[in-house]
PDB file of N, CA and C in Angstrom:
ATOM      1  N   MET A   1      62.341  -2.750 -46.527  1.00  0.00           N
ATOM      2  CA  MET A   1      61.144  -2.452 -45.776  1.00  0.00           C
ATOM      3  C   MET A   1      61.529  -2.284 -44.308  1.00  0.00           C
ATOM      4  N   THR A   2      61.027  -1.249 -43.667  1.00  0.00           N
ATOM      5  CA  THR A   2      61.329  -0.945 -42.285  1.00  0.00           C
ATOM      6  C   THR A   2      60.168  -1.359 -41.393  1.00  0.00           C
ATOM      7  N   GLU A   3      60.480  -1.929 -40.232  1.00  0.00           N
ATOM      8  CA  GLU A   3      59.425  -2.281 -39.284  1.00  0.00           C
ATOM      9  C   GLU A   3      59.367  -1.231 -38.190  1.00  0.00           C
ATOM     10  N   VAL A   4      58.171  -0.895 -37.779  1.00  0.00           N
ATOM     11  CA  VAL A   4      57.961   0.013 -36.666  1.00  0.00           C
ATOM     12  C   VAL A   4      58.148  -0.802 -35.393  1.00  0.00           C
ATOM     13  N   ILE A   5      58.748  -0.205 -34.385  1.00  0.00           N
ATOM     14  CA  ILE A   5      59.048  -0.928 -33.148  1.00  0.00           C
ATOM     15  C   ILE A   5      57.760  -1.432 -32.497  1.00  0.00           C
ATOM     16  N   GLU A   6      57.796  -2.686 -32.105  1.00  0.00           N
ATOM     17  CA  GLU A   6      56.665  -3.340 -31.441  1.00  0.00           C
ATOM     18  C   GLU A   6      57.212  -4.076 -30.228  1.00  0.00           C
ATOM     19  N   PRO A   7      56.381  -4.384 -29.256  1.00  0.00           N
ATOM     20  CA  PRO A   7      56.886  -5.085 -28.077  1.00  0.00           C
ATOM     21  C   PRO A   7      57.276  -6.527 -28.404  1.00  0.00           C
ATOM     22  N   ALA A   8      58.300  -7.012 -27.721  1.00  0.00           N
ATOM     23  CA  ALA A   8      58.663  -8.428 -27.844  1.00  0.00           C
ATOM     24  C   ALA A   8      57.490  -9.239 -27.319  1.00  0.00           C
ATOM     25  N   ILE A   9      57.175 -10.330 -27.990  1.00  0.00           N
ATOM     26  CA  ILE A   9      55.982 -11.106 -27.635  1.00  0.00           C
ATOM     27  C   ILE A   9      56.047 -11.624 -26.194  1.00  0.00           C
ATOM     28  N   GLU A  10      57.244 -11.865 -25.674  1.00  0.00           N
ATOM     29  CA  GLU A  10      57.385 -12.352 -24.292  1.00  0.00           C
ATOM     30  C   GLU A  10      56.924 -11.315 -23.277  1.00  0.00           C
ATOM     31  N   THR A  11      56.922 -10.038 -23.660  1.00  0.00           N
ATOM     32  CA  THR A  11      56.532  -8.977 -22.726  1.00  0.00           C
ATOM     33  C   THR A  11      55.051  -8.624 -22.824  1.00  0.00           C
ATOM     34  N   VAL A  12      54.357  -9.192 -23.796  1.00  0.00           N
ATOM     35  CA  VAL A  12      52.941  -8.889 -24.001  1.00  0.00           C
ATOM     36  C   VAL A  12      52.114  -9.637 -22.954  1.00  0.00           C
ATOM     37  N   THR A  13      51.222  -8.919 -22.292  1.00  0.00           N
ATOM     38  CA  THR A  13      50.389  -9.528 -21.252  1.00  0.00           C
ATOM     39  C   THR A  13      48.932  -9.589 -21.704  1.00  0.00           C
ATOM     40  N   ILE A  14      48.218 -10.574 -21.203  1.00  0.00           N
ATOM     41  CA  ILE A  14      46.834 -10.786 -21.620  1.00  0.00           C
ATOM     42  C   ILE A  14      45.943  -9.614 -21.227  1.00  0.00           C
ATOM     43  N   ASP A  15      46.218  -8.971 -20.087  1.00  0.00           N
ATOM     44  CA  ASP A  15      45.371  -7.845 -19.688  1.00  0.00           C
ATOM     45  C   ASP A  15      45.489  -6.680 -20.665  1.00  0.00           C
ATOM     46  N   VAL A  16      46.685  -6.437 -21.189  1.00  0.00           N
ATOM     47  CA  VAL A  16      46.874  -5.362 -22.170  1.00  0.00           C
ATOM     48  C   VAL A  16      46.203  -5.733 -23.493  1.00  0.00           C
ATOM     49  N   VAL A  17      46.329  -6.994 -23.899  1.00  0.00           N
ATOM     50  CA  VAL A  17      45.690  -7.460 -25.137  1.00  0.00           C
ATOM     51  C   VAL A  17      44.174  -7.328 -25.031  1.00  0.00           C
ATOM     52  N   LEU A  18      43.605  -7.806 -23.934  1.00  0.00           N
ATOM     53  CA  LEU A  18      42.152  -7.744 -23.769  1.00  0.00           C
ATOM     54  C   LEU A  18      41.662  -6.308 -23.648  1.00  0.00           C
ATOM     55  N   SER A  19      42.446  -5.456 -23.013  1.00  0.00           N
ATOM     56  CA  SER A  19      42.086  -4.044 -22.926  1.00  0.00           C
ATOM     57  C   SER A  19      42.037  -3.414 -24.316  1.00  0.00           C
ATOM     58  N   ALA A  20      43.015  -3.741 -25.155  1.00  0.00           N
ATOM     59  CA  ALA A  20      43.031  -3.217 -26.528  1.00  0.00           C
ATOM     60  C   ALA A  20      41.834  -3.733 -27.314  1.00  0.00           C
ATOM     61  N   LEU A  21      41.476  -4.993 -27.107  1.00  0.00           N
ATOM     62  CA  LEU A  21      40.356  -5.595 -27.835  1.00  0.00           C
ATOM     63  C   LEU A  21      38.995  -5.183 -27.280  1.00  0.00           C
ATOM     64  N   ALA A  22      38.968  -4.536 -26.118  1.00  0.00           N
ATOM     65  CA  ALA A  22      37.698  -4.119 -25.519  1.00  0.00           C
ATOM     66  C   ALA A  22      37.038  -2.983 -26.290  1.00  0.00           C
ATOM     67  N   ASP A  23      37.825  -2.248 -27.065  1.00  0.00           N
ATOM     68  CA  ASP A  23      37.262  -1.160 -27.868  1.00  0.00           C
ATOM     69  C   ASP A  23      36.637  -1.742 -29.134  1.00  0.00           C
ATOM     70  N   PRO A  24      35.381  -1.409 -29.439  1.00  0.00           N
ATOM     71  CA  PRO A  24      34.711  -1.992 -30.608  1.00  0.00           C
ATOM     72  C   PRO A  24      35.404  -1.700 -31.937  1.00  0.00           C
ATOM     73  N   VAL A  25      35.985  -0.517 -32.083  1.00  0.00           N
ATOM     74  CA  VAL A  25      36.673  -0.190 -33.343  1.00  0.00           C
ATOM     75  C   VAL A  25      37.920  -1.046 -33.493  1.00  0.00           C
ATOM     76  N   ARG A  26      38.683  -1.189 -32.414  1.00  0.00           N
ATOM     77  CA  ARG A  26      39.903  -2.003 -32.490  1.00  0.00           C
ATOM     78  C   ARG A  26      39.564  -3.472 -32.703  1.00  0.00           C
ATOM     79  N   LEU A  27      38.520  -3.950 -32.067  1.00  0.00           N
ATOM     80  CA  LEU A  27      38.098  -5.333 -32.271  1.00  0.00           C
ATOM     81  C   LEU A  27      37.681  -5.547 -33.722  1.00  0.00           C
ATOM     82  N   THR A  28      36.955  -4.593 -34.284  1.00  0.00           N
ATOM     83  CA  THR A  28      36.553  -4.673 -35.693  1.00  0.00           C
ATOM     84  C   THR A  28      37.771  -4.672 -36.596  1.00  0.00           C
ATOM     85  N   LEU A  29      38.760  -3.852 -36.277  1.00  0.00           N
ATOM     86  CA  LEU A  29      39.981  -3.802 -37.083  1.00  0.00           C
ATOM     87  C   LEU A  29      40.729  -5.127 -37.022  1.00  0.00           C
ATOM     88  N   VAL A  30      40.839  -5.721 -35.843  1.00  0.00           N
ATOM     89  CA  VAL A  30      41.516  -7.018 -35.708  1.00  0.00           C
ATOM     90  C   VAL A  30      40.764  -8.089 -36.492  1.00  0.00           C
ATOM     91  N   ARG A  31      39.445  -8.090 -36.400  1.00  0.00           N
ATOM     92  CA  ARG A  31      38.649  -9.060 -37.168  1.00  0.00           C
ATOM     93  C   ARG A  31      38.852  -8.863 -38.668  1.00  0.00           C
ATOM     94  N   ALA A  32      38.873  -7.613 -39.109  1.00  0.00           N
ATOM     95  CA  ALA A  32      39.076  -7.329 -40.535  1.00  0.00           C
ATOM     96  C   ALA A  32      40.465  -7.767 -40.983  1.00  0.00           C
ATOM     97  N   LEU A  33      41.474  -7.538 -40.151  1.00  0.00           N
ATOM     98  CA  LEU A  33      42.834  -7.978 -40.481  1.00  0.00           C
ATOM     99  C   LEU A  33      42.920  -9.498 -40.525  1.00  0.00           C
ATOM    100  N   ASP A  34      42.199 -10.154 -39.644  1.00  0.00           N
ATOM    101  CA  ASP A  34      42.191 -11.615 -39.629  1.00  0.00           C
ATOM    102  C   ASP A  34      41.619 -12.155 -40.934  1.00  0.00           C
ATOM    103  N   THR A  35      40.639 -11.469 -41.476  1.00  0.00           N
ATOM    104  CA  THR A  35      40.008 -11.882 -42.731  1.00  0.00           C
ATOM    105  C   THR A  35      40.828 -11.464 -43.942  1.00  0.00           C
ATOM    106  N   ALA A  36      41.318 -10.227 -43.935  1.00  0.00           N
ATOM    107  CA  ALA A  36      41.967  -9.653 -45.119  1.00  0.00           C
ATOM    108  C   ALA A  36      43.459  -9.943 -45.207  1.00  0.00           C
ATOM    109  N   GLY A  37      44.103 -10.238 -44.090  1.00  0.00           N
ATOM    110  CA  GLY A  37      45.556 -10.383 -44.101  1.00  0.00           C
ATOM    111  C   GLY A  37      46.201  -9.014 -44.009  1.00  0.00           C
ATOM    112  N   ASP A  38      47.173  -8.723 -44.867  1.00  0.00           N
ATOM    113  CA  ASP A  38      47.825  -7.412 -44.860  1.00  0.00           C
ATOM    114  C   ASP A  38      46.828  -6.310 -45.156  1.00  0.00           C
ATOM    115  N   TRP A  39      47.057  -5.176 -44.543  1.00  0.00           N
ATOM    116  CA  TRP A  39      46.225  -3.999 -44.767  1.00  0.00           C
ATOM    117  C   TRP A  39      47.144  -2.819 -44.997  1.00  0.00           C
ATOM    118  N   THR A  40      46.864  -2.048 -46.015  1.00  0.00           N
ATOM    119  CA  THR A  40      47.621  -0.836 -46.277  1.00  0.00           C
ATOM    120  C   THR A  40      46.886   0.319 -45.625  1.00  0.00           C
ATOM    121  N   CYS A  41      47.563   1.030 -44.725  1.00  0.00           N
ATOM    122  CA  CYS A  41      46.935   2.187 -44.091  1.00  0.00           C
ATOM    123  C   CYS A  41      46.422   3.121 -45.176  1.00  0.00           C
ATOM    124  N   GLY A  42      45.237   3.619 -44.983  1.00  0.00           N
ATOM    125  CA  GLY A  42      44.631   4.486 -45.980  1.00  0.00           C
ATOM    126  C   GLY A  42      43.629   3.755 -46.845  1.00  0.00           C
ATOM    127  N   SER A  43      43.614   2.421 -46.769  1.00  0.00           N
ATOM    128  CA  SER A  43      42.624   1.675 -47.544  1.00  0.00           C
ATOM    129  C   SER A  43      41.292   1.708 -46.798  1.00  0.00           C
ATOM    130  N   ASP A  44      40.295   1.120 -47.365  1.00  0.00           N
ATOM    131  CA  ASP A  44      38.950   1.210 -46.812  1.00  0.00           C
ATOM    132  C   ASP A  44      38.553  -0.001 -45.980  1.00  0.00           C
ATOM    133  N   ILE A  45      39.505  -0.652 -45.321  1.00  0.00           N
ATOM    134  CA  ILE A  45      39.193  -1.869 -44.571  1.00  0.00           C
ATOM    135  C   ILE A  45      38.150  -1.610 -43.483  1.00  0.00           C
ATOM    136  N   LEU A  46      38.233  -0.472 -42.805  1.00  0.00           N
ATOM    137  CA  LEU A  46      37.256  -0.183 -41.761  1.00  0.00           C
ATOM    138  C   LEU A  46      35.906   0.203 -42.345  1.00  0.00           C
ATOM    139  N   LYS A  47      35.920   0.973 -43.436  1.00  0.00           N
ATOM    140  CA  LYS A  47      34.651   1.334 -44.077  1.00  0.00           C
ATOM    141  C   LYS A  47      33.928   0.087 -44.554  1.00  0.00           C
ATOM    142  N   GLU A  48      34.688  -0.863 -45.102  1.00  0.00           N
ATOM    143  CA  GLU A  48      34.095  -2.127 -45.549  1.00  0.00           C
ATOM    144  C   GLU A  48      33.496  -2.896 -44.375  1.00  0.00           C
ATOM    145  N   ALA A  49      34.058  -2.681 -43.184  1.00  0.00           N
ATOM    146  CA  ALA A  49      33.548  -3.346 -41.985  1.00  0.00           C
ATOM    147  C   ALA A  49      32.440  -2.523 -41.318  1.00  0.00           C
ATOM    148  N   GLY A  50      32.079  -1.388 -41.938  1.00  0.00           N
ATOM    149  CA  GLY A  50      30.987  -0.574 -41.413  1.00  0.00           C
ATOM    150  C   GLY A  50      31.399   0.470 -40.397  1.00  0.00           C
ATOM    151  N   VAL A  51      32.692   0.798 -40.320  1.00  0.00           N
ATOM    152  CA  VAL A  51      33.181   1.788 -39.363  1.00  0.00           C
ATOM    153  C   VAL A  51      33.742   2.980 -40.133  1.00  0.00           C
ATOM    154  N   THR A  52      33.246   4.175 -39.824  1.00  0.00           N
ATOM    155  CA  THR A  52      33.747   5.385 -40.465  1.00  0.00           C
ATOM    156  C   THR A  52      34.336   6.289 -39.388  1.00  0.00           C
ATOM    157  N   ILE A  53      35.666   6.431 -39.409  1.00  0.00           N
ATOM    158  CA  ILE A  53      36.353   7.306 -38.458  1.00  0.00           C
ATOM    159  C   ILE A  53      37.449   8.053 -39.197  1.00  0.00           C
ATOM    160  N   GLY A  54      37.949   9.122 -38.600  1.00  0.00           N
ATOM    161  CA  GLY A  54      38.988   9.937 -39.214  1.00  0.00           C
ATOM    162  C   GLY A  54      40.353   9.269 -39.195  1.00  0.00           C
ATOM    163  N   LYS A  55      41.248   9.791 -40.032  1.00  0.00           N
ATOM    164  CA  LYS A  55      42.603   9.219 -40.141  1.00  0.00           C
ATOM    165  C   LYS A  55      43.360   9.255 -38.821  1.00  0.00           C
ATOM    166  N   SER A  56      43.246  10.366 -38.090  1.00  0.00           N
ATOM    167  CA  SER A  56      43.989  10.450 -36.830  1.00  0.00           C
ATOM    168  C   SER A  56      43.461   9.433 -35.817  1.00  0.00           C
ATOM    169  N   THR A  57      42.166   9.166 -35.855  1.00  0.00           N
ATOM    170  CA  THR A  57      41.588   8.166 -34.959  1.00  0.00           C
ATOM    171  C   THR A  57      42.046   6.766 -35.352  1.00  0.00           C
ATOM    172  N   VAL A  58      42.114   6.501 -36.657  1.00  0.00           N
ATOM    173  CA  VAL A  58      42.641   5.214 -37.130  1.00  0.00           C
ATOM    174  C   VAL A  58      44.077   5.057 -36.644  1.00  0.00           C
ATOM    175  N   SER A  59      44.885   6.103 -36.785  1.00  0.00           N
ATOM    176  CA  SER A  59      46.284   6.053 -36.342  1.00  0.00           C
ATOM    177  C   SER A  59      46.375   5.737 -34.855  1.00  0.00           C
ATOM    178  N   HIS A  60      45.515   6.345 -34.067  1.00  0.00           N
ATOM    179  CA  HIS A  60      45.503   6.085 -32.624  1.00  0.00           C
ATOM    180  C   HIS A  60      45.202   4.606 -32.348  1.00  0.00           C
ATOM    181  N   HIS A  61      44.177   4.077 -33.004  1.00  0.00           N
ATOM    182  CA  HIS A  61      43.800   2.675 -32.784  1.00  0.00           C
ATOM    183  C   HIS A  61      44.910   1.725 -33.237  1.00  0.00           C
ATOM    184  N   ILE A  62      45.558   2.041 -34.350  1.00  0.00           N
ATOM    185  CA  ILE A  62      46.690   1.231 -34.828  1.00  0.00           C
ATOM    186  C   ILE A  62      47.801   1.227 -33.784  1.00  0.00           C
ATOM    187  N   LYS A  63      48.103   2.395 -33.220  1.00  0.00           N
ATOM    188  CA  LYS A  63      49.156   2.492 -32.211  1.00  0.00           C
ATOM    189  C   LYS A  63      48.809   1.662 -30.971  1.00  0.00           C
ATOM    190  N   VAL A  64      47.568   1.745 -30.520  1.00  0.00           N
ATOM    191  CA  VAL A  64      47.155   0.972 -29.342  1.00  0.00           C
ATOM    192  C   VAL A  64      47.305  -0.525 -29.613  1.00  0.00           C
ATOM    193  N   LEU A  65      46.856  -0.972 -30.787  1.00  0.00           N
ATOM    194  CA  LEU A  65      46.971  -2.396 -31.139  1.00  0.00           C
ATOM    195  C   LEU A  65      48.428  -2.830 -31.262  1.00  0.00           C
ATOM    196  N   ARG A  66      49.260  -1.971 -31.843  1.00  0.00           N
ATOM    197  CA  ARG A  66      50.685  -2.299 -31.976  1.00  0.00           C
ATOM    198  C   ARG A  66      51.345  -2.346 -30.600  1.00  0.00           C
ATOM    199  N   ASP A  67      51.070  -1.344 -29.748  1.00  0.00           N
ATOM    200  CA  ASP A  67      51.658  -1.312 -28.405  1.00  0.00           C
ATOM    201  C   ASP A  67      51.197  -2.495 -27.553  1.00  0.00           C
ATOM    202  N   ALA A  68      49.996  -3.012 -27.845  1.00  0.00           N
ATOM    203  CA  ALA A  68      49.478  -4.176 -27.117  1.00  0.00           C
ATOM    204  C   ALA A  68      50.072  -5.479 -27.641  1.00  0.00           C
ATOM    205  N   GLY A  69      50.797  -5.410 -28.765  1.00  0.00           N
ATOM    206  CA  GLY A  69      51.437  -6.601 -29.321  1.00  0.00           C
ATOM    207  C   GLY A  69      50.583  -7.378 -30.298  1.00  0.00           C
ATOM    208  N   LEU A  70      49.445  -6.817 -30.707  1.00  0.00           N
ATOM    209  CA  LEU A  70      48.533  -7.539 -31.595  1.00  0.00           C
ATOM    210  C   LEU A  70      48.887  -7.427 -33.070  1.00  0.00           C
ATOM    211  N   ILE A  71      49.465  -6.313 -33.469  1.00  0.00           N
ATOM    212  CA  ILE A  71      49.745  -6.105 -34.888  1.00  0.00           C
ATOM    213  C   ILE A  71      51.188  -5.700 -35.116  1.00  0.00           C
ATOM    214  N   ARG A  72      51.592  -5.823 -36.345  1.00  0.00           N
ATOM    215  CA  ARG A  72      52.926  -5.423 -36.799  1.00  0.00           C
ATOM    216  C   ARG A  72      52.725  -4.409 -37.920  1.00  0.00           C
ATOM    217  N   THR A  73      53.519  -3.331 -37.909  1.00  0.00           N
ATOM    218  CA  THR A  73      53.469  -2.318 -38.962  1.00  0.00           C
ATOM    219  C   THR A  73      54.817  -2.285 -39.663  1.00  0.00           C
ATOM    220  N   ARG A  74      54.786  -2.404 -40.987  1.00  0.00           N
ATOM    221  CA  ARG A  74      55.999  -2.305 -41.802  1.00  0.00           C
ATOM    222  C   ARG A  74      55.864  -1.094 -42.709  1.00  0.00           C
ATOM    223  N   VAL A  75      56.948  -0.339 -42.831  1.00  0.00           N
ATOM    224  CA  VAL A  75      56.965   0.828 -43.702  1.00  0.00           C
ATOM    225  C   VAL A  75      57.629   0.428 -45.002  1.00  0.00           C
ATOM    226  N   ASP A  76      56.938   0.665 -46.110  1.00  0.00           N
ATOM    227  CA  ASP A  76      57.441   0.356 -47.450  1.00  0.00           C
ATOM    228  C   ASP A  76      57.293   1.623 -48.287  1.00  0.00           C
ATOM    229  N   GLY A  77      58.355   2.433 -48.314  1.00  0.00           N
ATOM    230  CA  GLY A  77      58.268   3.723 -49.000  1.00  0.00           C
ATOM    231  C   GLY A  77      57.320   4.627 -48.243  1.00  0.00           C
ATOM    232  N   ILE A  78      56.255   5.066 -48.916  1.00  0.00           N
ATOM    233  CA  ILE A  78      55.272   5.919 -48.251  1.00  0.00           C
ATOM    234  C   ILE A  78      54.096   5.115 -47.703  1.00  0.00           C
ATOM    235  N   ARG A  79      54.091   3.811 -47.956  1.00  0.00           N
ATOM    236  CA  ARG A  79      52.993   2.957 -47.486  1.00  0.00           C
ATOM    237  C   ARG A  79      53.320   2.349 -46.133  1.00  0.00           C
ATOM    238  N   ARG A  80      52.284   2.131 -45.354  1.00  0.00           N
ATOM    239  CA  ARG A  80      52.406   1.396 -44.096  1.00  0.00           C
ATOM    240  C   ARG A  80      51.530   0.163 -44.207  1.00  0.00           C
ATOM    241  N   LEU A  81      52.149  -0.996 -44.036  1.00  0.00           N
ATOM    242  CA  LEU A  81      51.430  -2.267 -44.116  1.00  0.00           C
ATOM    243  C   LEU A  81      51.224  -2.802 -42.705  1.00  0.00           C
ATOM    244  N   VAL A  82      50.001  -3.147 -42.391  1.00  0.00           N
ATOM    245  CA  VAL A  82      49.649  -3.624 -41.057  1.00  0.00           C
ATOM    246  C   VAL A  82      49.195  -5.075 -41.161  1.00  0.00           C
ATOM    247  N   THR A  83      49.707  -5.931 -40.266  1.00  0.00           N
ATOM    248  CA  THR A  83      49.296  -7.335 -40.223  1.00  0.00           C
ATOM    249  C   THR A  83      49.130  -7.768 -38.766  1.00  0.00           C
ATOM    250  N   LEU A  84      48.307  -8.775 -38.572  1.00  0.00           N
ATOM    251  CA  LEU A  84      48.204  -9.397 -37.255  1.00  0.00           C
ATOM    252  C   LEU A  84      49.470 -10.207 -36.999  1.00  0.00           C
ATOM    253  N   ARG A  85      49.865 -10.314 -35.769  1.00  0.00           N
ATOM    254  CA  ARG A  85      51.023 -11.127 -35.403  1.00  0.00           C
ATOM    255  C   ARG A  85      50.530 -12.549 -35.094  1.00  0.00           C
ATOM    256  N   TYR A  86      50.011 -13.224 -36.124  1.00  0.00           N
ATOM    257  CA  TYR A  86      49.394 -14.550 -35.956  1.00  0.00           C
ATOM    258  C   TYR A  86      50.268 -15.507 -35.154  1.00  0.00           C
ATOM    259  N   ASP A  87      51.464 -15.777 -35.673  1.00  0.00           N
ATOM    260  CA  ASP A  87      52.325 -16.790 -35.052  1.00  0.00           C
ATOM    261  C   ASP A  87      52.728 -16.396 -33.639  1.00  0.00           C
ATOM    262  N   ASP A  88      53.094 -15.125 -33.459  1.00  0.00           N
ATOM    263  CA  ASP A  88      53.482 -14.655 -32.129  1.00  0.00           C
ATOM    264  C   ASP A  88      52.331 -14.784 -31.138  1.00  0.00           C
ATOM    265  N   LEU A  89      51.131 -14.381 -31.574  1.00  0.00           N
ATOM    266  CA  LEU A  89      49.970 -14.452 -30.680  1.00  0.00           C
ATOM    267  C   LEU A  89      49.593 -15.891 -30.355  1.00  0.00           C
ATOM    268  N   GLU A  90      49.688 -16.765 -31.338  1.00  0.00           N
ATOM    269  CA  GLU A  90      49.367 -18.178 -31.097  1.00  0.00           C
ATOM    270  C   GLU A  90      50.374 -18.795 -30.130  1.00  0.00           C
ATOM    271  N   GLN A  91      51.633 -18.387 -30.242  1.00  0.00           N
ATOM    272  CA  GLN A  91      52.666 -18.883 -29.334  1.00  0.00           C
ATOM    273  C   GLN A  91      52.415 -18.387 -27.910  1.00  0.00           C
ATOM    274  N   ARG A  92      52.094 -17.115 -27.777  1.00  0.00           N
ATOM    275  CA  ARG A  92      51.938 -16.503 -26.452  1.00  0.00           C
ATOM    276  C   ARG A  92      50.583 -16.829 -25.811  1.00  0.00           C
ATOM    277  N   PHE A  93      49.516 -16.767 -26.620  1.00  0.00           N
ATOM    278  CA  PHE A  93      48.155 -16.997 -26.126  1.00  0.00           C
ATOM    279  C   PHE A  93      47.449 -17.988 -27.041  1.00  0.00           C
ATOM    280  N   PRO A  94      47.765 -19.287 -26.914  1.00  0.00           N
ATOM    281  CA  PRO A  94      47.184 -20.287 -27.810  1.00  0.00           C
ATOM    282  C   PRO A  94      45.654 -20.224 -27.826  1.00  0.00           C
ATOM    283  N   GLY A  95      45.101 -20.166 -29.032  1.00  0.00           N
ATOM    284  CA  GLY A  95      43.656 -20.186 -29.198  1.00  0.00           C
ATOM    285  C   GLY A  95      42.972 -18.831 -29.163  1.00  0.00           C
ATOM    286  N   LEU A  96      43.703 -17.760 -28.870  1.00  0.00           N
ATOM    287  CA  LEU A  96      43.079 -16.441 -28.763  1.00  0.00           C
ATOM    288  C   LEU A  96      42.411 -16.020 -30.070  1.00  0.00           C
ATOM    289  N   LEU A  97      43.134 -16.091 -31.172  1.00  0.00           N
ATOM    290  CA  LEU A  97      42.561 -15.673 -32.455  1.00  0.00           C
ATOM    291  C   LEU A  97      41.438 -16.610 -32.887  1.00  0.00           C
ATOM    292  N   ALA A  98      41.573 -17.898 -32.608  1.00  0.00           N
ATOM    293  CA  ALA A  98      40.499 -18.848 -32.933  1.00  0.00           C
ATOM    294  C   ALA A  98      39.239 -18.501 -32.143  1.00  0.00           C
ATOM    295  N   MET A  99      39.405 -18.111 -30.892  1.00  0.00           N
ATOM    296  CA  MET A  99      38.265 -17.727 -30.071  1.00  0.00           C
ATOM    297  C   MET A  99      37.592 -16.466 -30.630  1.00  0.00           C
ATOM    298  N   LEU A 100      38.393 -15.510 -31.089  1.00  0.00           N
ATOM    299  CA  LEU A 100      37.819 -14.310 -31.710  1.00  0.00           C
ATOM    300  C   LEU A 100      37.044 -14.671 -32.973  1.00  0.00           C
ATOM    301  N   ARG A 101      37.595 -15.598 -33.775  1.00  0.00           N
ATOM    302  CA  ARG A 101      36.896 -16.040 -34.995  1.00  0.00           C
ATOM    303  C   ARG A 101      35.560 -16.695 -34.646  1.00  0.00           C
ATOM    304  N   GLU A 102      35.579 -17.567 -33.639  1.00  0.00           N
ATOM    305  CA  GLU A 102      34.348 -18.246 -33.220  1.00  0.00           C
ATOM    306  C   GLU A 102      33.322 -17.242 -32.719  1.00  0.00           C
ATOM    307  N   HIS A 103      33.770 -16.274 -31.954  1.00  0.00           N
ATOM    308  CA  HIS A 103      32.873 -15.241 -31.436  1.00  0.00           C
ATOM    309  C   HIS A 103      32.276 -14.435 -32.584  1.00  0.00           C
ATOM    310  N   THR A 104      33.089 -14.109 -33.574  1.00  0.00           N
ATOM    311  CA  THR A 104      32.609 -13.369 -34.741  1.00  0.00           C
ATOM    312  C   THR A 104      31.579 -14.186 -35.502  1.00  0.00           C
ATOM    313  N   ALA A 105      31.860 -15.468 -35.704  1.00  0.00           N
ATOM    314  CA  ALA A 105      30.926 -16.339 -36.424  1.00  0.00           C
ATOM    315  C   ALA A 105      29.622 -16.488 -35.649  1.00  0.00           C
ATOM    316  N   ALA A 106      29.708 -16.612 -34.334  1.00  0.00           N
ATOM    317  CA  ALA A 106      28.507 -16.751 -33.510  1.00  0.00           C
ATOM    318  C   ALA A 106      27.664 -15.484 -33.570  1.00  0.00           C
ATOM    319  N   ARG A 107      28.316 -14.322 -33.555  1.00  0.00           N
ATOM    320  CA  ARG A 107      27.577 -13.053 -33.654  1.00  0.00           C
ATOM    321  C   ARG A 107      26.905 -12.926 -35.009  1.00  0.00           C
ATOM    322  N   ALA A 108      27.611 -13.335 -36.064  1.00  0.00           N
ATOM    323  CA  ALA A 108      27.033 -13.255 -37.411  1.00  0.00           C
ATOM    324  C   ALA A 108      25.823 -14.172 -37.528  1.00  0.00           C
ATOM    325  N   THR A 109      25.925 -15.360 -36.944  1.00  0.00           N
ATOM    326  CA  THR A 109      24.809 -16.305 -36.981  1.00  0.00           C
ATOM    327  C   THR A 109      23.620 -15.757 -36.195  1.00  0.00           C
ATOM    328  N   ALA A 110      23.887 -15.184 -35.035  1.00  0.00           N
ATOM    329  CA  ALA A 110      22.819 -14.637 -34.200  1.00  0.00           C
ATOM    330  C   ALA A 110      22.148 -13.436 -34.864  1.00  0.00           C
ATOM    331  N   ALA A 111      22.923 -12.666 -35.629  1.00  0.00           N
ATOM    332  CA  ALA A 111      22.387 -11.467 -36.275  1.00  0.00           C
ATOM    333  C   ALA A 111      21.695 -11.771 -37.598  1.00  0.00           C
ATOM    334  N   ALA A 112      21.913 -12.965 -38.130  1.00  0.00           N
ATOM    335  CA  ALA A 112      21.325 -13.313 -39.434  1.00  0.00           C
ATOM    336  C   ALA A 112      19.809 -13.390 -39.314  1.00  0.00           C
ATOM    337  N   PRO A 113      19.122 -12.828 -40.304  1.00  0.00           N
ATOM    338  CA  PRO A 113      17.657 -12.897 -40.267  1.00  0.00           C
ATOM    339  C   PRO A 113      17.190 -14.338 -40.440  1.00  0.00           C
ATOM    340  N   THR A 114      16.140 -14.661 -39.741  1.00  0.00           N
ATOM    341  CA  THR A 114      15.568 -16.003 -39.868  1.00  0.00           C
ATOM    342  C   THR A 114      14.263 -15.899 -40.639  1.00  0.00           C
ATOM    343  N   SER A 115      14.007 -16.907 -41.420  1.00  0.00           N
ATOM    344  CA  SER A 115      12.750 -16.909 -42.183  1.00  0.00           C
ATOM    345  C   SER A 115      11.727 -17.730 -41.420  1.00  0.00           C
ATOM    346  N   SER A 116      10.528 -17.242 -41.388  1.00  0.00           N
ATOM    347  CA  SER A 116       9.476 -17.998 -40.718  1.00  0.00           C
ATOM    348  C   SER A 116       8.562 -18.601 -41.768  1.00  0.00           C
ATOM    349  N   ALA A 117       8.236 -19.841 -41.559  1.00  0.00           N
ATOM    350  CA  ALA A 117       7.428 -20.564 -42.547  1.00  0.00           C
ATOM    351  C   ALA A 117       5.970 -20.490 -42.235  1.00  0.00           C
TER     352      ALA A 117
END
């Protein structure tokens, strides 16, 4: 399996990470990867998350996330497997992914319909 070149975690800066996460599609992709684990490019992970975009746009977002140091891409034959760099990110920015999870949970709770009695 071949890995696509990614930045060394020591060179990743918080401003670049936050800039990458500022885009709603990329944030949705990171959240989906956090939930799903490995993702095979071409699968419906974004559609399942409610985002419909073209393949070239997905490729662009993957590249931005990889260049920002958030994800790792491995080539396995004709497949590309994408994963979050959990351990690297936790080492470099402790609590970042946990904060994203909490934010996602808070948004889901706020968006949940309430029943009135």
